[in-house]
Amino acid sequence: DIARFEYLKKSARNFGSVLIGIETSKPENFVRLFAHLDDAGFTYSDITNDETLAQFLI
């Protein structure tokens, strides 16, 4: 489930940064999700274990 979604469009660009919070009952689902993101060529950062960044953004 998507628990949070934020989008920041950069001016004069067709793309921007996105913050998506995802909840799942099975942690192994993240392995599959990250594989799909990699296959699609997305650049992402998992902030789960980055306490400073997580507190700043959330």
N, C-alpha and C. Protein backbone atom coordinates (compact mmCIF):
# COMPACT_ATOMS: atom_id res chain seq x y z
N ASP A 1 0.84 -1.18 0.00
CA ASP A 1 0.00 0.00 0.00
C ASP A 1 0.88 1.24 0.00
N ILE A 2 0.47 2.25 -0.74
CA ILE A 2 1.17 3.53 -0.71
C ILE A 2 0.63 4.32 0.47
N ALA A 3 1.50 4.60 1.44
CA ALA A 3 1.10 5.30 2.65
C ALA A 3 1.34 6.80 2.56
N ARG A 4 2.23 7.21 1.66
CA ARG A 4 2.54 8.63 1.52
C ARG A 4 3.06 8.87 0.12
N PHE A 5 2.69 10.02 -0.47
CA PHE A 5 3.18 10.38 -1.79
C PHE A 5 3.38 11.88 -1.83
N GLU A 6 4.58 12.31 -2.18
CA GLU A 6 4.89 13.73 -2.34
C GLU A 6 5.68 13.89 -3.63
N TYR A 7 5.38 14.96 -4.38
CA TYR A 7 6.05 15.21 -5.64
C TYR A 7 6.50 16.66 -5.67
N LEU A 8 7.74 16.90 -6.03
CA LEU A 8 8.28 18.25 -6.14
C LEU A 8 8.79 18.43 -7.56
N LYS A 9 8.05 19.20 -8.36
CA LYS A 9 8.45 19.43 -9.75
C LYS A 9 9.46 20.57 -9.80
N LYS A 10 10.54 20.33 -10.46
CA LYS A 10 11.55 21.36 -10.66
C LYS A 10 11.08 22.28 -11.78
N SER A 11 11.29 23.57 -11.64
CA SER A 11 10.86 24.50 -12.67
C SER A 11 11.65 24.27 -13.95
N ALA A 12 10.97 24.42 -15.08
CA ALA A 12 11.56 24.26 -16.42
C ALA A 12 12.06 22.84 -16.67
N ARG A 13 11.52 21.87 -15.97
CA ARG A 13 11.86 20.46 -16.21
C ARG A 13 10.58 19.66 -16.31
N ASN A 14 10.68 18.52 -16.91
CA ASN A 14 9.53 17.63 -17.03
C ASN A 14 9.53 16.55 -15.95
N PHE A 15 10.43 16.66 -15.00
CA PHE A 15 10.52 15.64 -13.96
C PHE A 15 10.91 16.30 -12.65
N GLY A 16 10.79 15.56 -11.57
CA GLY A 16 11.16 16.07 -10.26
C GLY A 16 11.35 14.92 -9.29
N SER A 17 11.51 15.27 -8.04
CA SER A 17 11.72 14.27 -6.99
C SER A 17 10.40 13.80 -6.42
N VAL A 18 10.37 12.55 -6.01
CA VAL A 18 9.16 11.96 -5.43
C VAL A 18 9.54 11.25 -4.14
N LEU A 19 8.71 11.42 -3.13
CA LEU A 19 8.85 10.67 -1.89
C LEU A 19 7.63 9.78 -1.78
N ILE A 20 7.86 8.48 -1.73
CA ILE A 20 6.76 7.51 -1.64
C ILE A 20 6.99 6.66 -0.40
N GLY A 21 5.99 6.62 0.46
CA GLY A 21 6.03 5.74 1.63
C GLY A 21 5.24 4.48 1.31
N ILE A 22 5.85 3.33 1.49
CA ILE A 22 5.21 2.06 1.14
C ILE A 22 5.14 1.17 2.37
N GLU A 23 3.96 0.60 2.60
CA GLU A 23 3.77 -0.34 3.70
C GLU A 23 3.43 -1.71 3.12
N THR A 24 3.99 -2.75 3.72
CA THR A 24 3.70 -4.11 3.29
C THR A 24 3.71 -5.03 4.51
N SER A 25 2.94 -6.08 4.44
CA SER A 25 2.92 -7.05 5.54
C SER A 25 4.06 -8.06 5.43
N LYS A 26 4.71 -8.10 4.27
CA LYS A 26 5.79 -9.06 4.04
C LYS A 26 7.05 -8.31 3.58
N PRO A 27 8.08 -8.25 4.41
CA PRO A 27 9.30 -7.53 4.04
C PRO A 27 9.93 -8.01 2.73
N GLU A 28 9.74 -9.27 2.39
CA GLU A 28 10.32 -9.78 1.14
C GLU A 28 9.71 -9.11 -0.10
N ASN A 29 8.57 -8.47 0.06
CA ASN A 29 7.97 -7.74 -1.06
C ASN A 29 8.86 -6.60 -1.54
N PHE A 30 9.67 -6.06 -0.63
CA PHE A 30 10.56 -4.97 -1.02
C PHE A 30 11.64 -5.45 -1.98
N VAL A 31 12.10 -6.66 -1.82
CA VAL A 31 13.10 -7.21 -2.74
C VAL A 31 12.54 -7.20 -4.15
N ARG A 32 11.31 -7.66 -4.31
CA ARG A 32 10.66 -7.68 -5.62
C ARG A 32 10.43 -6.27 -6.15
N LEU A 33 10.00 -5.37 -5.28
CA LEU A 33 9.77 -3.98 -5.68
C LEU A 33 11.06 -3.34 -6.18
N PHE A 34 12.15 -3.50 -5.42
CA PHE A 34 13.42 -2.91 -5.82
C PHE A 34 13.92 -3.51 -7.14
N ALA A 35 13.68 -4.79 -7.36
CA ALA A 35 14.07 -5.42 -8.63
C ALA A 35 13.30 -4.80 -9.79
N HIS A 36 12.00 -4.56 -9.59
CA HIS A 36 11.19 -3.93 -10.64
C HIS A 36 11.67 -2.50 -10.91
N LEU A 37 11.99 -1.76 -9.87
CA LEU A 37 12.50 -0.40 -10.05
C LEU A 37 13.81 -0.41 -10.81
N ASP A 38 14.71 -1.32 -10.46
CA ASP A 38 15.99 -1.44 -11.16
C ASP A 38 15.78 -1.80 -12.62
N ASP A 39 14.91 -2.76 -12.89
CA ASP A 39 14.64 -3.19 -14.27
C ASP A 39 14.06 -2.05 -15.11
N ALA A 40 13.28 -1.17 -14.48
CA ALA A 40 12.66 -0.06 -15.20
C ALA A 40 13.60 1.14 -15.33
N GLY A 41 14.77 1.08 -14.70
CA GLY A 41 15.75 2.15 -14.81
C GLY A 41 15.52 3.33 -13.88
N PHE A 42 14.72 3.14 -12.84
CA PHE A 42 14.47 4.22 -11.88
C PHE A 42 15.67 4.39 -10.96
N THR A 43 15.92 5.63 -10.57
CA THR A 43 16.91 5.94 -9.55
C THR A 43 16.15 6.15 -8.26
N TYR A 44 16.56 5.48 -7.19
CA TYR A 44 15.83 5.59 -5.92
C TYR A 44 16.79 5.45 -4.75
N SER A 45 16.34 5.89 -3.61
CA SER A 45 17.08 5.73 -2.36
C SER A 45 16.13 5.17 -1.31
N ASP A 46 16.53 4.10 -0.68
CA ASP A 46 15.76 3.53 0.42
C ASP A 46 16.23 4.22 1.70
N ILE A 47 15.35 5.00 2.33
CA ILE A 47 15.74 5.76 3.52
C ILE A 47 15.33 5.05 4.81
N THR A 48 14.93 3.80 4.71
CA THR A 48 14.47 3.05 5.87
C THR A 48 15.46 3.08 7.02
N ASN A 49 16.73 2.88 6.74
CA ASN A 49 17.74 2.81 7.80
C ASN A 49 18.54 4.09 7.96
N ASP A 50 18.14 5.16 7.28
CA ASP A 50 18.80 6.46 7.41
C ASP A 50 17.96 7.33 8.34
N GLU A 51 18.20 7.23 9.63
CA GLU A 51 17.37 7.90 10.64
C GLU A 51 17.34 9.41 10.44
N THR A 52 18.47 10.02 10.14
CA THR A 52 18.52 11.47 9.97
C THR A 52 17.67 11.92 8.80
N LEU A 53 17.84 11.28 7.66
CA LEU A 53 17.06 11.65 6.49
C LEU A 53 15.59 11.33 6.67
N ALA A 54 15.28 10.21 7.26
CA ALA A 54 13.88 9.83 7.49
C ALA A 54 13.19 10.84 8.40
N GLN A 55 13.84 11.27 9.47
CA GLN A 55 13.25 12.25 10.38
C GLN A 55 13.07 13.61 9.69
N PHE A 56 14.00 13.97 8.83
CA PHE A 56 13.92 15.24 8.12
C PHE A 56 12.76 15.25 7.13
N LEU A 57 12.56 14.16 6.43
CA LEU A 57 11.54 14.10 5.39
C LEU A 57 10.16 13.74 5.90
N ILE A 58 10.10 12.95 6.95
CA ILE A 58 8.80 12.45 7.40
C ILE A 58 8.30 13.20 8.56
